[in-house]
C-alpha atoms as a PDB file:
ATOM      1  CA  MET A   1     -55.826  24.119  34.845  1.00  0.00           C
ATOM      2  CA  SER A   2     -59.145  24.013  33.026  1.00  0.00           C
ATOM      3  CA  ALA A   3     -62.393  22.780  34.549  1.00  0.00           C
ATOM      4  CA  GLY A   4     -63.240  19.107  34.383  1.00  0.00           C
ATOM      5  CA  GLN A   5     -66.460  17.367  33.544  1.00  0.00           C
ATOM      6  CA  GLY A   6     -68.871  16.612  36.367  1.00  0.00           C
ATOM      7  CA  PRO A   7     -67.061  15.090  39.323  1.00  0.00           C
ATOM      8  CA  PHE A   8     -63.837  14.597  37.307  1.00  0.00           C
ATOM      9  CA  SER A   9     -60.947  17.051  37.341  1.00  0.00           C
ATOM     10  CA  ALA A  10     -59.211  18.272  34.193  1.00  0.00           C
ATOM     11  CA  ASP A  11     -56.239  16.032  35.114  1.00  0.00           C
ATOM     12  CA  VAL A  12     -58.505  12.977  35.144  1.00  0.00           C
ATOM     13  CA  ILE A  13     -59.938  13.910  31.785  1.00  0.00           C
ATOM     14  CA  ASP A  14     -56.388  14.365  30.446  1.00  0.00           C
ATOM     15  CA  LEU A  15     -55.452  10.954  31.742  1.00  0.00           C
ATOM     16  CA  LEU A  16     -58.459   9.296  30.131  1.00  0.00           C
ATOM     17  CA  THR A  17     -57.685  11.109  26.831  1.00  0.00           C
ATOM     18  CA  GLU A  18     -54.132   9.745  26.951  1.00  0.00           C
ATOM     19  CA  LEU A  19     -55.344   6.208  27.698  1.00  0.00           C
ATOM     20  CA  VAL A  20     -57.717   6.331  24.755  1.00  0.00           C
ATOM     21  CA  ASN A  21     -54.954   7.808  22.608  1.00  0.00           C
ATOM     22  CA  MET A  22     -52.579   4.953  23.514  1.00  0.00           C
ATOM     23  CA  GLY A  23     -55.194   2.302  22.783  1.00  0.00           C
ATOM     24  CA  VAL A  24     -56.140   3.783  19.467  1.00  0.00           C
ATOM     25  CA  GLY A  25     -52.443   4.239  18.548  1.00  0.00           C
ATOM     26  CA  ARG A  26     -51.797   0.560  19.187  1.00  0.00           C
ATOM     27  CA  ALA A  27     -54.786  -0.472  17.155  1.00  0.00           C
ATOM     28  CA  ALA A  28     -53.669   1.844  14.308  1.00  0.00           C
ATOM     29  CA  ALA A  29     -50.151   0.317  14.411  1.00  0.00           C
ATOM     30  CA  SER A  30     -51.690  -3.190  14.116  1.00  0.00           C
ATOM     31  CA  LEU A  31     -53.941  -2.073  11.253  1.00  0.00           C
ATOM     32  CA  SER A  32     -51.011  -0.467   9.499  1.00  0.00           C
ATOM     33  CA  GLU A  33     -49.044  -3.706   9.641  1.00  0.00           C
ATOM     34  CA  LEU A  34     -52.045  -5.715   8.367  1.00  0.00           C
ATOM     35  CA  VAL A  35     -52.727  -3.526   5.338  1.00  0.00           C
ATOM     36  CA  ASP A  36     -49.113  -2.395   4.789  1.00  0.00           C
ATOM     37  CA  CYS A  37     -50.210   1.319   4.675  1.00  0.00           C
ATOM     38  CA  ARG A  38     -49.590   4.271   6.874  1.00  0.00           C
ATOM     39  CA  VAL A  39     -52.420   5.136   9.294  1.00  0.00           C
ATOM     40  CA  GLU A  40     -52.690   8.731  10.552  1.00  0.00           C
ATOM     41  CA  LEU A  41     -54.465   9.713  13.749  1.00  0.00           C
ATOM     42  CA  SER A  42     -55.393  12.826  15.601  1.00  0.00           C
ATOM     43  CA  VAL A  43     -55.659  13.204  19.344  1.00  0.00           C
ATOM     44  CA  PRO A  44     -59.048  12.109  20.550  1.00  0.00           C
ATOM     45  CA  SER A  45     -61.465  14.278  22.451  1.00  0.00           C
ATOM     46  CA  VAL A  46     -62.977  12.620  25.549  1.00  0.00           C
ATOM     47  CA  THR A  47     -66.350  13.607  26.889  1.00  0.00           C
ATOM     48  CA  LEU A  48     -67.883  11.871  29.880  1.00  0.00           C
ATOM     49  CA  VAL A  49     -71.614  11.307  29.658  1.00  0.00           C
ATOM     50  CA  ARG A  50     -73.931   9.588  32.120  1.00  0.00           C
ATOM     51  CA  SER A  51     -75.109   6.274  30.734  1.00  0.00           C
ATOM     52  CA  ARG A  52     -78.755   7.315  30.958  1.00  0.00           C
ATOM     53  CA  ASP A  53     -78.048  10.476  28.945  1.00  0.00           C
ATOM     54  CA  TRP A  54     -75.745   9.316  26.111  1.00  0.00           C
ATOM     55  CA  ARG A  55     -78.443   9.009  23.491  1.00  0.00           C
ATOM     56  CA  ASP A  56     -79.518  12.623  24.030  1.00  0.00           C
ATOM     57  CA  ASP A  57     -75.913  13.776  23.611  1.00  0.00           C
ATOM     58  CA  MET A  58     -75.460  11.918  20.319  1.00  0.00           C
ATOM     59  CA  VAL A  59     -77.108  14.586  18.148  1.00  0.00           C
ATOM     60  CA  GLU A  60     -75.618  13.643  14.772  1.00  0.00           C
ATOM     61  CA  PRO A  61     -73.164  10.744  15.330  1.00  0.00           C
ATOM     62  CA  ALA A  62     -72.701  10.225  11.586  1.00  0.00           C
ATOM     63  CA  ALA A  63     -71.428  13.820  11.252  1.00  0.00           C
ATOM     64  CA  GLN A  64     -68.713  13.198  13.827  1.00  0.00           C
ATOM     65  CA  GLU A  65     -66.087  10.523  14.421  1.00  0.00           C
ATOM     66  CA  THR A  66     -67.595   9.163  17.582  1.00  0.00           C
ATOM     67  CA  VAL A  67     -66.705   6.188  19.684  1.00  0.00           C
ATOM     68  CA  VAL A  68     -68.835   5.192  22.649  1.00  0.00           C
ATOM     69  CA  VAL A  69     -67.234   3.017  25.356  1.00  0.00           C
END
């Protein structure tokens, strides 16, 4: 098992990644139906950041596919 982020274990990070993946997958399926085109996705990467630090961690958001929740 790999190390987690902060107080969260690797299992919790994996769970959060899967939840994000499921949500994005549902959104992509809906979009696919609306535009009648195939939508391809990759598995997201989840990084936990303290709310007070998130701006410092967003070095070049335009260069990455980044979603902040």
